[in-house]
PDB file of all heavy atoms in Angstrom:
ATOM      1  N   ALA A   1       0.832  -1.209   0.000  1.00  0.00           N
ATOM      2  CA  ALA A   1       0.000   0.000   0.000  1.00  0.00           C
ATOM      3  C   ALA A   1       0.859   1.249   0.000  1.00  0.00           C
ATOM      4  O   ALA A   1       0.565   2.227  -0.708  1.00  0.00           O
ATOM      5  CB  ALA A   1      -0.927  -0.006   1.215  1.00  0.00           C
ATOM      6  N   LEU A   2       1.953   1.223   0.772  1.00  0.00           N
ATOM      7  CA  LEU A   2       2.828   2.394   0.827  1.00  0.00           C
ATOM      8  C   LEU A   2       3.614   2.544  -0.475  1.00  0.00           C
ATOM      9  O   LEU A   2       3.812   3.669  -0.966  1.00  0.00           O
ATOM     10  CB  LEU A   2       3.770   2.269   2.017  1.00  0.00           C
ATOM     11  CG  LEU A   2       4.364   3.574   2.556  1.00  0.00           C
ATOM     12  CD1 LEU A   2       3.276   4.593   2.866  1.00  0.00           C
ATOM     13  CD2 LEU A   2       5.199   3.302   3.801  1.00  0.00           C
ATOM     14  N   ARG A   3       4.048   1.433  -1.044  1.00  0.00           N
ATOM     15  CA  ARG A   3       4.750   1.513  -2.331  1.00  0.00           C
ATOM     16  C   ARG A   3       3.844   2.137  -3.393  1.00  0.00           C
ATOM     17  O   ARG A   3       4.294   2.952  -4.204  1.00  0.00           O
ATOM     18  CB  ARG A   3       5.184   0.108  -2.783  1.00  0.00           C
ATOM     19  CG  ARG A   3       6.352  -0.469  -2.011  1.00  0.00           C
ATOM     20  CD  ARG A   3       6.894  -1.721  -2.706  1.00  0.00           C
ATOM     21  NE  ARG A   3       7.951  -2.364  -1.953  1.00  0.00           N
ATOM     22  CZ  ARG A   3       9.226  -1.962  -1.931  1.00  0.00           C
ATOM     23  NH1 ARG A   3       9.580  -0.889  -2.616  1.00  0.00           N
ATOM     24  NH2 ARG A   3      10.117  -2.615  -1.229  1.00  0.00           N
ATOM     25  N   GLN A   4       2.584   1.765  -3.370  1.00  0.00           N
ATOM     26  CA  GLN A   4       1.650   2.318  -4.348  1.00  0.00           C
ATOM     27  C   GLN A   4       1.411   3.802  -4.091  1.00  0.00           C
ATOM     28  O   GLN A   4       1.414   4.613  -5.020  1.00  0.00           O
ATOM     29  CB  GLN A   4       0.327   1.560  -4.292  1.00  0.00           C
ATOM     30  CG  GLN A   4      -0.686   2.041  -5.332  1.00  0.00           C
ATOM     31  CD  GLN A   4      -1.949   1.203  -5.342  1.00  0.00           C
ATOM     32  OE1 GLN A   4      -2.131   0.317  -4.511  1.00  0.00           O
ATOM     33  NE2 GLN A   4      -2.831   1.452  -6.296  1.00  0.00           N
ATOM     34  N   ALA A   5       1.225   4.166  -2.808  1.00  0.00           N
ATOM     35  CA  ALA A   5       0.970   5.571  -2.473  1.00  0.00           C
ATOM     36  C   ALA A   5       2.147   6.454  -2.840  1.00  0.00           C
ATOM     37  O   ALA A   5       1.964   7.614  -3.243  1.00  0.00           O
ATOM     38  CB  ALA A   5       0.651   5.690  -0.983  1.00  0.00           C
ATOM     39  N   TRP A   6       3.352   5.926  -2.697  1.00  0.00           N
ATOM     40  CA  TRP A   6       4.551   6.714  -2.964  1.00  0.00           C
ATOM     41  C   TRP A   6       5.098   6.500  -4.379  1.00  0.00           C
ATOM     42  O   TRP A   6       6.123   7.086  -4.723  1.00  0.00           O
ATOM     43  CB  TRP A   6       5.646   6.340  -1.969  1.00  0.00           C
ATOM     44  CG  TRP A   6       5.419   6.877  -0.582  1.00  0.00           C
ATOM     45  CD1 TRP A   6       4.420   7.706  -0.162  1.00  0.00           C
ATOM     46  CD2 TRP A   6       6.241   6.613   0.571  1.00  0.00           C
ATOM     47  NE1 TRP A   6       4.555   7.985   1.171  1.00  0.00           N
ATOM     48  CE2 TRP A   6       5.663   7.335   1.652  1.00  0.00           C
ATOM     49  CE3 TRP A   6       7.386   5.857   0.797  1.00  0.00           C
ATOM     50  CZ2 TRP A   6       6.212   7.311   2.937  1.00  0.00           C
ATOM     51  CZ3 TRP A   6       7.932   5.831   2.071  1.00  0.00           C
ATOM     52  CH2 TRP A   6       7.350   6.548   3.129  1.00  0.00           C
ATOM     53  N   SER A   7       4.436   5.665  -5.167  1.00  0.00           N
ATOM     54  CA  SER A   7       4.959   5.302  -6.503  1.00  0.00           C
ATOM     55  C   SER A   7       6.407   4.836  -6.371  1.00  0.00           C
ATOM     56  O   SER A   7       7.310   5.318  -7.077  1.00  0.00           O
ATOM     57  CB  SER A   7       4.858   6.499  -7.459  1.00  0.00           C
ATOM     58  OG  SER A   7       3.520   6.903  -7.621  1.00  0.00           O
ATOM     59  N   ALA A   8       6.614   3.906  -5.447  1.00  0.00           N
ATOM     60  CA  ALA A   8       7.959   3.418  -5.143  1.00  0.00           C
ATOM     61  C   ALA A   8       7.992   1.893  -5.234  1.00  0.00           C
ATOM     62  O   ALA A   8       8.142   1.193  -4.233  1.00  0.00           O
ATOM     63  CB  ALA A   8       8.376   3.874  -3.751  1.00  0.00           C
ATOM     64  N   PRO A   9       7.839   1.358  -6.449  1.00  0.00           N
ATOM     65  CA  PRO A   9       7.851  -0.103  -6.599  1.00  0.00           C
ATOM     66  C   PRO A   9       9.217  -0.681  -6.241  1.00  0.00           C
ATOM     67  O   PRO A   9      10.235   0.019  -6.299  1.00  0.00           O
ATOM     68  CB  PRO A   9       7.541  -0.301  -8.084  1.00  0.00           C
ATOM     69  CG  PRO A   9       8.009   0.962  -8.738  1.00  0.00           C
ATOM     70  CD  PRO A   9       7.741   2.048  -7.754  1.00  0.00           C
ATOM     71  N   GLU A  10       9.207  -1.938  -5.861  1.00  0.00           N
ATOM     72  CA  GLU A  10      10.477  -2.603  -5.552  1.00  0.00           C
ATOM     73  C   GLU A  10      11.334  -2.646  -6.812  1.00  0.00           C
ATOM     74  O   GLU A  10      10.878  -3.027  -7.884  1.00  0.00           O
ATOM     75  CB  GLU A  10      10.202  -4.021  -5.046  1.00  0.00           C
ATOM     76  CG  GLU A  10      11.421  -4.692  -4.450  1.00  0.00           C
ATOM     77  CD  GLU A  10      11.066  -5.957  -3.698  1.00  0.00           C
ATOM     78  OE1 GLU A  10       9.878  -6.348  -3.719  1.00  0.00           O
ATOM     79  OE2 GLU A  10      11.969  -6.558  -3.099  1.00  0.00           O
ATOM     80  N   ASP A  11      12.592  -2.228  -6.665  1.00  0.00           N
ATOM     81  CA  ASP A  11      13.493  -2.163  -7.817  1.00  0.00           C
ATOM     82  C   ASP A  11      14.903  -2.502  -7.345  1.00  0.00           C
ATOM     83  O   ASP A  11      15.555  -1.695  -6.674  1.00  0.00           O
ATOM     84  CB  ASP A  11      13.469  -0.761  -8.437  1.00  0.00           C
ATOM     85  CG  ASP A  11      14.239  -0.689  -9.752  1.00  0.00           C
ATOM     86  OD1 ASP A  11      15.067  -1.583 -10.005  1.00  0.00           O
ATOM     87  OD2 ASP A  11      14.012   0.273 -10.509  1.00  0.00           O
ATOM     88  N   PRO A  12      15.384  -3.710  -7.639  1.00  0.00           N
ATOM     89  CA  PRO A  12      16.711  -4.126  -7.157  1.00  0.00           C
ATOM     90  C   PRO A  12      17.853  -3.279  -7.706  1.00  0.00           C
ATOM     91  O   PRO A  12      18.968  -3.332  -7.185  1.00  0.00           O
ATOM     92  CB  PRO A  12      16.820  -5.580  -7.625  1.00  0.00           C
ATOM     93  CG  PRO A  12      15.848  -5.687  -8.759  1.00  0.00           C
ATOM     94  CD  PRO A  12      14.734  -4.748  -8.443  1.00  0.00           C
ATOM     95  N   ARG A  13      17.569  -2.478  -8.724  1.00  0.00           N
ATOM     96  CA  ARG A  13      18.624  -1.625  -9.295  1.00  0.00           C
ATOM     97  C   ARG A  13      18.840  -0.364  -8.474  1.00  0.00           C
ATOM     98  O   ARG A  13      19.848   0.326  -8.641  1.00  0.00           O
ATOM     99  CB  ARG A  13      18.263  -1.237 -10.730  1.00  0.00           C
ATOM    100  CG  ARG A  13      18.133  -2.411 -11.699  1.00  0.00           C
ATOM    101  CD  ARG A  13      17.504  -1.963 -12.995  1.00  0.00           C
ATOM    102  NE  ARG A  13      16.163  -1.412 -12.774  1.00  0.00           N
ATOM    103  CZ  ARG A  13      15.410  -0.864 -13.720  1.00  0.00           C
ATOM    104  NH1 ARG A  13      15.875  -0.789 -14.966  1.00  0.00           N
ATOM    105  NH2 ARG A  13      14.203  -0.397 -13.436  1.00  0.00           N
ATOM    106  N   LEU A  14      17.872  -0.030  -7.599  1.00  0.00           N
ATOM    107  CA  LEU A  14      17.924   1.218  -6.832  1.00  0.00           C
ATOM    108  C   LEU A  14      18.241   0.974  -5.368  1.00  0.00           C
ATOM    109  O   LEU A  14      17.786  -0.012  -4.786  1.00  0.00           O
ATOM    110  CB  LEU A  14      16.581   1.955  -6.910  1.00  0.00           C
ATOM    111  CG  LEU A  14      16.142   2.540  -8.245  1.00  0.00           C
ATOM    112  CD1 LEU A  14      14.775   3.212  -8.066  1.00  0.00           C
ATOM    113  CD2 LEU A  14      17.154   3.544  -8.770  1.00  0.00           C
ATOM    114  N   THR A  15      19.003   1.893  -4.782  1.00  0.00           N
ATOM    115  CA  THR A  15      19.122   1.970  -3.328  1.00  0.00           C
ATOM    116  C   THR A  15      18.248   3.134  -2.898  1.00  0.00           C
ATOM    117  O   THR A  15      18.439   4.267  -3.346  1.00  0.00           O
ATOM    118  CB  THR A  15      20.571   2.199  -2.880  1.00  0.00           C
ATOM    119  OG1 THR A  15      21.386   1.118  -3.342  1.00  0.00           O
ATOM    120  CG2 THR A  15      20.661   2.304  -1.361  1.00  0.00           C
ATOM    121  N   ARG A  16      17.270   2.842  -2.058  1.00  0.00           N
ATOM    122  CA  ARG A  16      16.284   3.866  -1.673  1.00  0.00           C
ATOM    123  C   ARG A  16      16.630   4.403  -0.281  1.00  0.00           C
ATOM    124  O   ARG A  16      16.701   3.666   0.695  1.00  0.00           O
ATOM    125  CB  ARG A  16      14.882   3.265  -1.711  1.00  0.00           C
ATOM    126  CG  ARG A  16      13.781   4.244  -1.522  1.00  0.00           C
ATOM    127  CD  ARG A  16      12.428   3.625  -1.888  1.00  0.00           C
ATOM    128  NE  ARG A  16      12.211   3.625  -3.332  1.00  0.00           N
ATOM    129  CZ  ARG A  16      11.854   2.555  -4.039  1.00  0.00           C
ATOM    130  NH1 ARG A  16      11.665   1.402  -3.441  1.00  0.00           N
ATOM    131  NH2 ARG A  16      11.670   2.642  -5.345  1.00  0.00           N
ATOM    132  N   PHE A  17      16.824   5.723  -0.204  1.00  0.00           N
ATOM    133  CA  PHE A  17      17.142   6.405   1.045  1.00  0.00           C
ATOM    134  C   PHE A  17      15.893   7.131   1.556  1.00  0.00           C
ATOM    135  O   PHE A  17      15.195   7.778   0.778  1.00  0.00           O
ATOM    136  CB  PHE A  17      18.267   7.424   0.844  1.00  0.00           C
ATOM    137  CG  PHE A  17      19.572   6.816   0.402  1.00  0.00           C
ATOM    138  CD1 PHE A  17      19.860   6.671  -0.954  1.00  0.00           C
ATOM    139  CD2 PHE A  17      20.516   6.388   1.327  1.00  0.00           C
ATOM    140  CE1 PHE A  17      21.060   6.118  -1.379  1.00  0.00           C
ATOM    141  CE2 PHE A  17      21.715   5.830   0.916  1.00  0.00           C
ATOM    142  CZ  PHE A  17      21.992   5.691  -0.437  1.00  0.00           C
ATOM    143  N   LEU A  18      15.651   7.035   2.857  1.00  0.00           N
ATOM    144  CA  LEU A  18      14.472   7.675   3.446  1.00  0.00           C
ATOM    145  C   LEU A  18      14.889   8.681   4.506  1.00  0.00           C
ATOM    146  O   LEU A  18      15.575   8.343   5.472  1.00  0.00           O
ATOM    147  CB  LEU A  18      13.566   6.617   4.092  1.00  0.00           C
ATOM    148  CG  LEU A  18      12.328   7.158   4.827  1.00  0.00           C
ATOM    149  CD1 LEU A  18      11.348   7.789   3.843  1.00  0.00           C
ATOM    150  CD2 LEU A  18      11.641   6.051   5.629  1.00  0.00           C
ATOM    151  N   LEU A  19      14.463   9.944   4.300  1.00  0.00           N
ATOM    152  CA  LEU A  19      14.626  10.979   5.317  1.00  0.00           C
ATOM    153  C   LEU A  19      13.244  11.222   5.923  1.00  0.00           C
ATOM    154  O   LEU A  19      12.383  11.819   5.288  1.00  0.00           O
ATOM    155  CB  LEU A  19      15.192  12.274   4.705  1.00  0.00           C
ATOM    156  CG  LEU A  19      15.791  13.312   5.679  1.00  0.00           C
ATOM    157  CD1 LEU A  19      16.511  14.415   4.895  1.00  0.00           C
ATOM    158  CD2 LEU A  19      14.769  13.938   6.610  1.00  0.00           C
ATOM    159  N   ALA A  20      13.051  10.725   7.142  1.00  0.00           N
ATOM    160  CA  ALA A  20      11.752  10.841   7.805  1.00  0.00           C
ATOM    161  C   ALA A  20      11.802  11.965   8.836  1.00  0.00           C
ATOM    162  O   ALA A  20      12.678  11.976   9.697  1.00  0.00           O
ATOM    163  CB  ALA A  20      11.388   9.523   8.482  1.00  0.00           C
ATOM    164  N   GLY A  21      10.881  12.894   8.720  1.00  0.00           N
ATOM    165  CA  GLY A  21      10.837  14.005   9.665  1.00  0.00           C
ATOM    166  C   GLY A  21      10.133  15.186   9.044  1.00  0.00           C
ATOM    167  O   GLY A  21      10.044  15.301   7.816  1.00  0.00           O
ATOM    168  N   ARG A  22       9.640  16.061   9.898  1.00  0.00           N
ATOM    169  CA  ARG A  22       8.919  17.231   9.399  1.00  0.00           C
ATOM    170  C   ARG A  22       9.807  18.052   8.471  1.00  0.00           C
ATOM    171  O   ARG A  22      11.035  18.044   8.599  1.00  0.00           O
ATOM    172  CB  ARG A  22       8.412  18.081  10.564  1.00  0.00           C
ATOM    173  CG  ARG A  22       9.501  18.710  11.402  1.00  0.00           C
ATOM    174  CD  ARG A  22       8.922  19.332  12.670  1.00  0.00           C
ATOM    175  NE  ARG A  22       9.933  20.044  13.449  1.00  0.00           N
ATOM    176  CZ  ARG A  22      10.794  19.486  14.267  1.00  0.00           C
ATOM    177  NH1 ARG A  22      10.791  18.170  14.418  1.00  0.00           N
ATOM    178  NH2 ARG A  22      11.672  20.206  14.930  1.00  0.00           N
ATOM    179  N   LEU A  23       9.180  18.745   7.535  1.00  0.00           N
ATOM    180  CA  LEU A  23       9.928  19.566   6.587  1.00  0.00           C
ATOM    181  C   LEU A  23      10.301  20.881   7.263  1.00  0.00           C
ATOM    182  O   LEU A  23       9.526  21.843   7.296  1.00  0.00           O
ATOM    183  CB  LEU A  23       9.095  19.825   5.323  1.00  0.00           C
ATOM    184  CG  LEU A  23       8.674  18.593   4.520  1.00  0.00           C
ATOM    185  CD1 LEU A  23       7.957  19.006   3.242  1.00  0.00           C
ATOM    186  CD2 LEU A  23       9.873  17.707   4.198  1.00  0.00           C
ATOM    187  N   THR A  24      11.487  20.895   7.816  1.00  0.00           N
ATOM    188  CA  THR A  24      12.023  22.092   8.448  1.00  0.00           C
ATOM    189  C   THR A  24      13.516  22.140   8.175  1.00  0.00           C
ATOM    190  O   THR A  24      14.168  21.099   8.003  1.00  0.00           O
ATOM    191  CB  THR A  24      11.738  22.085   9.965  1.00  0.00           C
ATOM    192  OG1 THR A  24      12.304  23.241  10.568  1.00  0.00           O
ATOM    193  CG2 THR A  24      12.306  20.854  10.636  1.00  0.00           C
ATOM    194  N   ARG A  25      14.061  23.327   8.126  1.00  0.00           N
ATOM    195  CA  ARG A  25      15.437  23.523   7.674  1.00  0.00           C
ATOM    196  C   ARG A  25      16.454  22.734   8.493  1.00  0.00           C
ATOM    197  O   ARG A  25      17.473  22.273   7.967  1.00  0.00           O
ATOM    198  CB  ARG A  25      15.764  25.017   7.689  1.00  0.00           C
ATOM    199  CG  ARG A  25      16.972  25.409   6.864  1.00  0.00           C
ATOM    200  CD  ARG A  25      17.074  26.932   6.757  1.00  0.00           C
ATOM    201  NE  ARG A  25      15.903  27.501   6.110  1.00  0.00           N
ATOM    202  CZ  ARG A  25      15.734  27.570   4.792  1.00  0.00           C
ATOM    203  NH1 ARG A  25      16.673  27.102   3.985  1.00  0.00           N
ATOM    204  NH2 ARG A  25      14.651  28.107   4.274  1.00  0.00           N
ATOM    205  N   ILE A  26      16.203  22.585   9.783  1.00  0.00           N
ATOM    206  CA  ILE A  26      17.185  21.922  10.638  1.00  0.00           C
ATOM    207  C   ILE A  26      17.354  20.444  10.311  1.00  0.00           C
ATOM    208  O   ILE A  26      18.340  19.831  10.716  1.00  0.00           O
ATOM    209  CB  ILE A  26      16.833  22.084  12.134  1.00  0.00           C
ATOM    210  CG1 ILE A  26      15.536  21.359  12.480  1.00  0.00           C
ATOM    211  CG2 ILE A  26      16.769  23.548  12.523  1.00  0.00           C
ATOM    212  CD1 ILE A  26      15.239  21.331  13.968  1.00  0.00           C
ATOM    213  N   LYS A  27      16.427  19.868   9.555  1.00  0.00           N
ATOM    214  CA  LYS A  27      16.514  18.443   9.245  1.00  0.00           C
ATOM    215  C   LYS A  27      17.508  18.137   8.128  1.00  0.00           C
ATOM    216  O   LYS A  27      17.831  16.968   7.875  1.00  0.00           O
ATOM    217  CB  LYS A  27      15.139  17.886   8.872  1.00  0.00           C
ATOM    218  CG  LYS A  27      14.131  17.902  10.017  1.00  0.00           C
ATOM    219  CD  LYS A  27      14.563  17.029  11.178  1.00  0.00           C
ATOM    220  CE  LYS A  27      13.510  16.976  12.272  1.00  0.00           C
ATOM    221  NZ  LYS A  27      13.937  16.144  13.421  1.00  0.00           N
ATOM    222  N   GLY A  28      17.978  19.161   7.418  1.00  0.00           N
ATOM    223  CA  GLY A  28      19.067  18.952   6.468  1.00  0.00           C
ATOM    224  C   GLY A  28      18.676  18.488   5.081  1.00  0.00           C
ATOM    225  O   GLY A  28      19.506  17.934   4.350  1.00  0.00           O
ATOM    226  N   HIS A  29      17.435  18.733   4.667  1.00  0.00           N
ATOM    227  CA  HIS A  29      17.003  18.297   3.331  1.00  0.00           C
ATOM    228  C   HIS A  29      17.878  18.878   2.221  1.00  0.00           C
ATOM    229  O   HIS A  29      18.202  18.184   1.243  1.00  0.00           O
ATOM    230  CB  HIS A  29      15.545  18.712   3.084  1.00  0.00           C
ATOM    231  CG  HIS A  29      14.565  18.145   4.060  1.00  0.00           C
ATOM    232  ND1 HIS A  29      14.273  18.756   5.251  1.00  0.00           N
ATOM    233  CD2 HIS A  29      13.816  17.005   4.018  1.00  0.00           C
ATOM    234  CE1 HIS A  29      13.371  18.032   5.908  1.00  0.00           C
ATOM    235  NE2 HIS A  29      13.076  16.974   5.178  1.00  0.00           N
ATOM    236  N   LEU A  30      18.243  20.143   2.353  1.00  0.00           N
ATOM    237  CA  LEU A  30      19.013  20.797   1.295  1.00  0.00           C
ATOM    238  C   LEU A  30      20.398  20.175   1.140  1.00  0.00           C
ATOM    239  O   LEU A  30      20.938  20.111   0.026  1.00  0.00           O
ATOM    240  CB  LEU A  30      19.117  22.296   1.568  1.00  0.00           C
ATOM    241  CG  LEU A  30      17.799  23.070   1.407  1.00  0.00           C
ATOM    242  CD1 LEU A  30      17.938  24.486   1.961  1.00  0.00           C
ATOM    243  CD2 LEU A  30      17.378  23.119  -0.059  1.00  0.00           C
ATOM    244  N   THR A  31      20.977  19.714   2.238  1.00  0.00           N
ATOM    245  CA  THR A  31      22.262  19.016   2.160  1.00  0.00           C
ATOM    246  C   THR A  31      22.124  17.754   1.314  1.00  0.00           C
ATOM    247  O   THR A  31      22.989  17.442   0.485  1.00  0.00           O
ATOM    248  CB  THR A  31      22.762  18.641   3.568  1.00  0.00           C
ATOM    249  OG1 THR A  31      22.969  19.831   4.335  1.00  0.00           O
ATOM    250  CG2 THR A  31      24.061  17.856   3.502  1.00  0.00           C
ATOM    251  N   ILE A  32      21.016  17.039   1.496  1.00  0.00           N
ATOM    252  CA  ILE A  32      20.802  15.796   0.756  1.00  0.00           C
ATOM    253  C   ILE A  32      20.529  16.082  -0.718  1.00  0.00           C
ATOM    254  O   ILE A  32      20.975  15.317  -1.602  1.00  0.00           O
ATOM    255  CB  ILE A  32      19.658  14.985   1.381  1.00  0.00           C
ATOM    256  CG1 ILE A  32      20.032  14.581   2.811  1.00  0.00           C
ATOM    257  CG2 ILE A  32      19.335  13.757   0.548  1.00  0.00           C
ATOM    258  CD1 ILE A  32      21.338  13.816   2.921  1.00  0.00           C
ATOM    259  N   ILE A  33      19.811  17.155  -1.005  1.00  0.00           N
ATOM    260  CA  ILE A  33      19.583  17.510  -2.421  1.00  0.00           C
ATOM    261  C   ILE A  33      20.919  17.797  -3.101  1.00  0.00           C
ATOM    262  O   ILE A  33      21.176  17.337  -4.220  1.00  0.00           O
ATOM    263  CB  ILE A  33      18.637  18.722  -2.513  1.00  0.00           C
ATOM    264  CG1 ILE A  33      17.224  18.324  -2.054  1.00  0.00           C
ATOM    265  CG2 ILE A  33      18.594  19.263  -3.945  1.00  0.00           C
ATOM    266  CD1 ILE A  33      16.261  19.487  -1.928  1.00  0.00           C
ATOM    267  N   GLU A  34      21.791  18.532  -2.407  1.00  0.00           N
ATOM    268  CA  GLU A  34      23.108  18.823  -2.992  1.00  0.00           C
ATOM    269  C   GLU A  34      23.937  17.551  -3.126  1.00  0.00           C
ATOM    270  O   GLU A  34      24.640  17.356  -4.131  1.00  0.00           O
ATOM    271  CB  GLU A  34      23.849  19.845  -2.122  1.00  0.00           C
ATOM    272  CG  GLU A  34      25.159  20.293  -2.740  1.00  0.00           C
ATOM    273  CD  GLU A  34      25.887  21.349  -1.927  1.00  0.00           C
ATOM    274  OE1 GLU A  34      25.258  21.957  -1.028  1.00  0.00           O
ATOM    275  OE2 GLU A  34      27.089  21.558  -2.190  1.00  0.00           O
ATOM    276  N   ALA A  35      23.857  16.670  -2.130  1.00  0.00           N
ATOM    277  CA  ALA A  35      24.590  15.397  -2.204  1.00  0.00           C
ATOM    278  C   ALA A  35      24.082  14.561  -3.377  1.00  0.00           C
ATOM    279  O   ALA A  35      24.869  13.948  -4.115  1.00  0.00           O
ATOM    280  CB  ALA A  35      24.444  14.629  -0.892  1.00  0.00           C
ATOM    281  N   ALA A  36      22.768  14.524  -3.562  1.00  0.00           N
ATOM    282  CA  ALA A  36      22.187  13.779  -4.682  1.00  0.00           C
ATOM    283  C   ALA A  36      22.636  14.356  -6.014  1.00  0.00           C
ATOM    284  O   ALA A  36      22.892  13.608  -6.978  1.00  0.00           O
ATOM    285  CB  ALA A  36      20.663  13.798  -4.573  1.00  0.00           C
ATOM    286  N   ALA A  37      22.722  15.677  -6.087  1.00  0.00           N
ATOM    287  CA  ALA A  37      23.193  16.324  -7.316  1.00  0.00           C
ATOM    288  C   ALA A  37      24.631  15.905  -7.625  1.00  0.00           C
ATOM    289  O   ALA A  37      24.998  15.680  -8.790  1.00  0.00           O
ATOM    290  CB  ALA A  37      23.096  17.838  -7.181  1.00  0.00           C
ATOM    291  N   ARG A  38      25.453  15.780  -6.595  1.00  0.00           N
ATOM    292  CA  ARG A  38      26.839  15.353  -6.793  1.00  0.00           C
ATOM    293  C   ARG A  38      26.899  13.900  -7.272  1.00  0.00           C
ATOM    294  O   ARG A  38      27.723  13.552  -8.136  1.00  0.00           O
ATOM    295  CB  ARG A  38      27.628  15.524  -5.497  1.00  0.00           C
ATOM    296  CG  ARG A  38      27.875  16.985  -5.118  1.00  0.00           C
ATOM    297  CD  ARG A  38      28.459  17.117  -3.708  1.00  0.00           C
ATOM    298  NE  ARG A  38      28.623  18.517  -3.349  1.00  0.00           N
ATOM    299  CZ  ARG A  38      29.769  19.201  -3.393  1.00  0.00           C
ATOM    300  NH1 ARG A  38      30.872  18.589  -3.792  1.00  0.00           N
ATOM    301  NH2 ARG A  38      29.817  20.470  -3.046  1.00  0.00           N
TER     302      ARG A  38
END
C-alpha cells in the first residue's frame, strides 16, 4: 500500500534512502539535495 501511495515499486537496481521528519530547515534536506546532485 505504501509503495503504491509513494509510486515506489520494488526495484533491485535502486538503493532507496528515506529521510523521515517534518519539513524544516534543521533536518538537512538541502544538504541531501546537494549530495544527490553530486
